[in-house]
Amino acid sequence: MSCLMANCADCEHAALDCVFAAHDHHLAACDELEAFCTDPDQWDDAARARRLHRFLTVNVLAHMADEDDDLLPLLLRRGWADDSEASLASLAADHRRERLSIANLARELAHIEAGVGVARPAALLVGGIAFAHNYRKHVAIEDQSLRRIAAELSRHDHDTLRDSMRRRRTGR
């Protein structure tokens, strides 16, 4: 993987290389999340819960902000065809739903991290499966849509996106 979104502050690759590398990382993390959420014998593993909590609340949320605040508006400003605009709007709507799922999963993972166990087992089990499934589908659609239209972005657009991603992670 050329870089991960968590490390894009140090990344000199094109911004979209970081986005697509993050997608690969996120798919692997979804596999881990689903395995964790579907195996109650693992629900006392505070270190794993902490890692998954960070993946959801730091990596995924920063990645969504990169797309919602910078990439999707840039693509819309470039005036792609109506079908692409509808696709971009659908991706933004997915992000809103995914943020709710993340909040629910994060609460359950925080209980495990704190050593108090799972407060709502069904929320962890069903929520973990649903998030992983929906996020995998979302990433596949995003990869297909974004690769096609992002190929038309200028070097300046890529640099602007990368700089925004860096500021989001470092504050500078």
Protein backbone atom coordinates (compact mmCIF):
# COMPACT_ATOMS: atom_id res chain seq x y z
CA MET A 1 0.00 0.00 0.00
CA SER A 2 1.50 3.33 -1.01
CA CYS A 3 0.16 5.19 2.04
CA LEU A 4 -2.66 5.15 4.55
CA MET A 5 -5.03 8.01 5.23
CA ALA A 6 -3.87 8.07 8.84
CA ASN A 7 -0.39 8.93 7.53
CA CYS A 8 -1.35 11.35 4.76
CA ALA A 9 0.16 14.19 6.75
CA ASP A 10 3.52 12.80 5.64
CA CYS A 11 2.34 11.62 2.23
CA GLU A 12 3.81 13.06 -0.93
CA HIS A 13 1.72 10.83 -3.20
CA ALA A 14 -1.20 12.21 -5.17
CA ALA A 15 -4.14 12.71 -2.83
CA LEU A 16 -6.26 10.15 -4.62
CA ASP A 17 -3.52 7.53 -4.24
CA CYS A 18 -3.98 8.03 -0.49
CA VAL A 19 -7.77 7.77 -0.82
CA PHE A 20 -7.57 4.50 -2.75
CA ALA A 21 -4.87 3.09 -0.45
CA ALA A 22 -7.12 3.95 2.49
CA HIS A 23 -9.93 2.03 0.84
CA ASP A 24 -7.72 -1.08 0.73
CA HIS A 25 -6.81 -0.61 4.39
CA HIS A 26 -10.46 -0.01 5.33
CA LEU A 27 -11.59 -3.19 3.59
CA ALA A 28 -9.08 -5.22 5.60
CA ALA A 29 -10.18 -3.46 8.80
CA CYS A 30 -13.83 -4.24 7.96
CA ASP A 31 -12.89 -7.92 7.84
CA GLU A 32 -11.33 -7.59 11.30
CA LEU A 33 -14.33 -5.65 12.62
CA GLU A 34 -16.79 -8.23 11.35
CA ALA A 35 -14.74 -11.11 12.77
CA PHE A 36 -14.59 -9.36 16.14
CA CYS A 37 -18.27 -8.45 16.27
CA THR A 38 -19.45 -11.94 15.34
CA ASP A 39 -17.32 -13.78 17.91
CA PRO A 40 -18.47 -13.12 21.50
CA ASP A 41 -15.37 -14.94 22.77
CA GLN A 42 -13.35 -11.93 21.57
CA TRP A 43 -15.52 -9.31 23.25
CA ASP A 44 -13.18 -9.05 26.21
CA ASP A 45 -10.16 -8.09 24.07
CA ALA A 46 -9.74 -4.44 25.08
CA ALA A 47 -6.68 -3.89 22.86
CA ARG A 48 -8.50 -5.11 19.76
CA ALA A 49 -11.59 -3.06 20.67
CA ARG A 50 -9.35 0.02 21.05
CA ARG A 51 -7.77 -0.59 17.62
CA LEU A 52 -11.19 -1.00 15.97
CA HIS A 53 -12.56 2.02 17.83
CA ARG A 54 -9.67 4.12 16.50
CA PHE A 55 -10.18 2.78 12.98
CA LEU A 56 -13.82 3.87 13.04
CA THR A 57 -13.60 7.14 14.93
CA VAL A 58 -10.30 8.43 13.58
CA ASN A 59 -9.41 6.82 10.26
CA VAL A 60 -12.86 6.38 8.72
CA LEU A 61 -14.23 9.70 9.95
CA ALA A 62 -11.18 11.63 8.71
CA HIS A 63 -11.45 9.80 5.39
CA MET A 64 -15.13 10.73 5.08
CA ALA A 65 -14.29 14.36 5.89
CA ASP A 66 -11.66 14.33 3.13
CA GLU A 67 -14.27 13.20 0.68
CA ASP A 68 -17.24 15.24 1.94
CA ASP A 69 -15.40 18.50 2.58
CA ASP A 70 -12.87 18.46 -0.24
CA LEU A 71 -13.11 15.77 -2.90
CA LEU A 72 -16.86 15.56 -3.61
CA PRO A 73 -17.33 19.37 -3.72
CA LEU A 74 -14.33 19.66 -6.03
CA LEU A 75 -15.78 17.06 -8.37
CA LEU A 76 -19.15 18.84 -8.37
CA ARG A 77 -17.47 22.20 -9.08
CA ARG A 78 -15.80 20.63 -12.08
CA GLY A 79 -19.31 20.07 -13.46
CA TRP A 80 -19.47 16.39 -14.28
CA ALA A 81 -22.52 14.92 -16.00
CA ASP A 82 -25.82 14.54 -14.17
CA ASP A 83 -25.31 10.80 -13.60
CA SER A 84 -22.03 11.51 -11.82
CA GLU A 85 -23.67 14.22 -9.71
CA ALA A 86 -26.35 11.75 -8.58
CA SER A 87 -23.66 9.19 -7.81
CA LEU A 88 -21.70 11.74 -5.73
CA ALA A 89 -24.86 12.71 -3.83
CA SER A 90 -25.52 9.05 -3.10
CA LEU A 91 -21.98 8.64 -1.72
CA ALA A 92 -22.46 11.64 0.57
CA ALA A 93 -25.76 10.16 1.82
CA ASP A 94 -23.96 6.87 2.52
CA HIS A 95 -21.45 8.79 4.64
CA ARG A 96 -24.25 10.28 6.75
CA ARG A 97 -25.68 6.79 7.43
CA GLU A 98 -22.23 5.36 8.12
CA ARG A 99 -21.52 8.08 10.70
CA LEU A 100 -24.57 6.92 12.68
CA SER A 101 -23.39 3.31 12.51
CA ILE A 102 -19.92 4.37 13.65
CA ALA A 103 -21.36 6.23 16.64
CA ASN A 104 -23.31 3.16 17.74
CA LEU A 105 -20.40 0.78 17.26
CA ALA A 106 -17.99 3.18 18.97
CA ARG A 107 -20.18 3.20 22.10
CA GLU A 108 -20.05 -0.59 22.31
CA LEU A 109 -16.32 -0.74 21.62
CA ALA A 110 -15.70 1.92 24.29
CA HIS A 111 -17.44 -0.28 26.86
CA ILE A 112 -15.12 -3.14 25.97
CA GLU A 113 -12.08 -0.83 26.11
CA ALA A 114 -13.15 0.29 29.58
CA GLY A 115 -13.38 -3.32 30.74
CA VAL A 116 -17.12 -3.23 31.49
CA GLY A 117 -18.13 -5.59 28.69
CA VAL A 118 -20.65 -5.19 25.95
CA ALA A 119 -23.68 -3.12 26.96
CA ARG A 120 -25.85 -4.14 23.99
CA PRO A 121 -24.66 -7.39 22.39
CA ALA A 122 -27.16 -7.20 19.52
CA ALA A 123 -25.97 -3.68 18.67
CA LEU A 124 -22.39 -4.90 18.42
CA LEU A 125 -23.22 -8.08 16.51
CA VAL A 126 -25.77 -6.70 14.06
CA GLY A 127 -24.15 -3.27 13.86
CA GLY A 128 -20.72 -4.69 13.10
CA ILE A 129 -22.02 -6.97 10.36
CA ALA A 130 -24.17 -4.23 8.82
CA PHE A 131 -21.43 -1.60 8.90
CA ALA A 132 -18.84 -3.93 7.35
CA HIS A 133 -21.24 -5.04 4.62
CA ASN A 134 -22.46 -1.54 3.78
CA TYR A 135 -19.00 0.00 3.92
CA ARG A 136 -17.53 -2.65 1.60
CA LYS A 137 -20.31 -1.95 -0.89
CA HIS A 138 -19.78 1.80 -0.53
CA VAL A 139 -16.03 1.50 -1.14
CA ALA A 140 -16.61 -0.57 -4.29
CA ILE A 141 -19.00 2.06 -5.67
CA GLU A 142 -16.66 4.86 -4.65
CA ASP A 143 -13.67 3.22 -6.28
CA GLN A 144 -15.56 2.76 -9.52
CA SER A 145 -17.08 6.27 -9.56
CA LEU A 146 -14.14 8.23 -8.23
CA ARG A 147 -11.47 6.54 -10.34
CA ARG A 148 -13.40 7.37 -13.48
CA ILE A 149 -14.01 11.05 -12.78
CA ALA A 150 -10.91 11.75 -10.70
CA ALA A 151 -8.71 10.91 -13.67
CA GLU A 152 -9.70 14.30 -15.04
CA LEU A 153 -8.42 16.27 -12.04
CA SER A 154 -5.44 18.54 -12.57
CA ARG A 155 -2.15 18.31 -10.68
CA HIS A 156 -3.20 21.49 -8.84
CA ASP A 157 -6.45 19.76 -7.76
CA HIS A 158 -4.48 16.78 -6.45
CA ASP A 159 -2.06 19.04 -4.56
CA THR A 160 -4.93 21.04 -3.05
CA LEU A 161 -6.65 17.86 -1.88
CA ARG A 162 -3.44 16.47 -0.40
CA ASP A 163 -2.75 19.74 1.43
CA SER A 164 -6.30 19.76 2.87
CA MET A 165 -5.90 16.15 4.01
CA ARG A 166 -2.58 17.05 5.65
CA ARG A 167 -4.11 20.06 7.46
CA ARG A 168 -7.00 17.92 8.69
CA ARG A 169 -4.57 15.52 10.32
CA THR A 170 -1.90 17.90 11.60
CA GLY A 171 -3.67 21.21 12.10
CA ARG A 172 -1.08 22.94 9.93
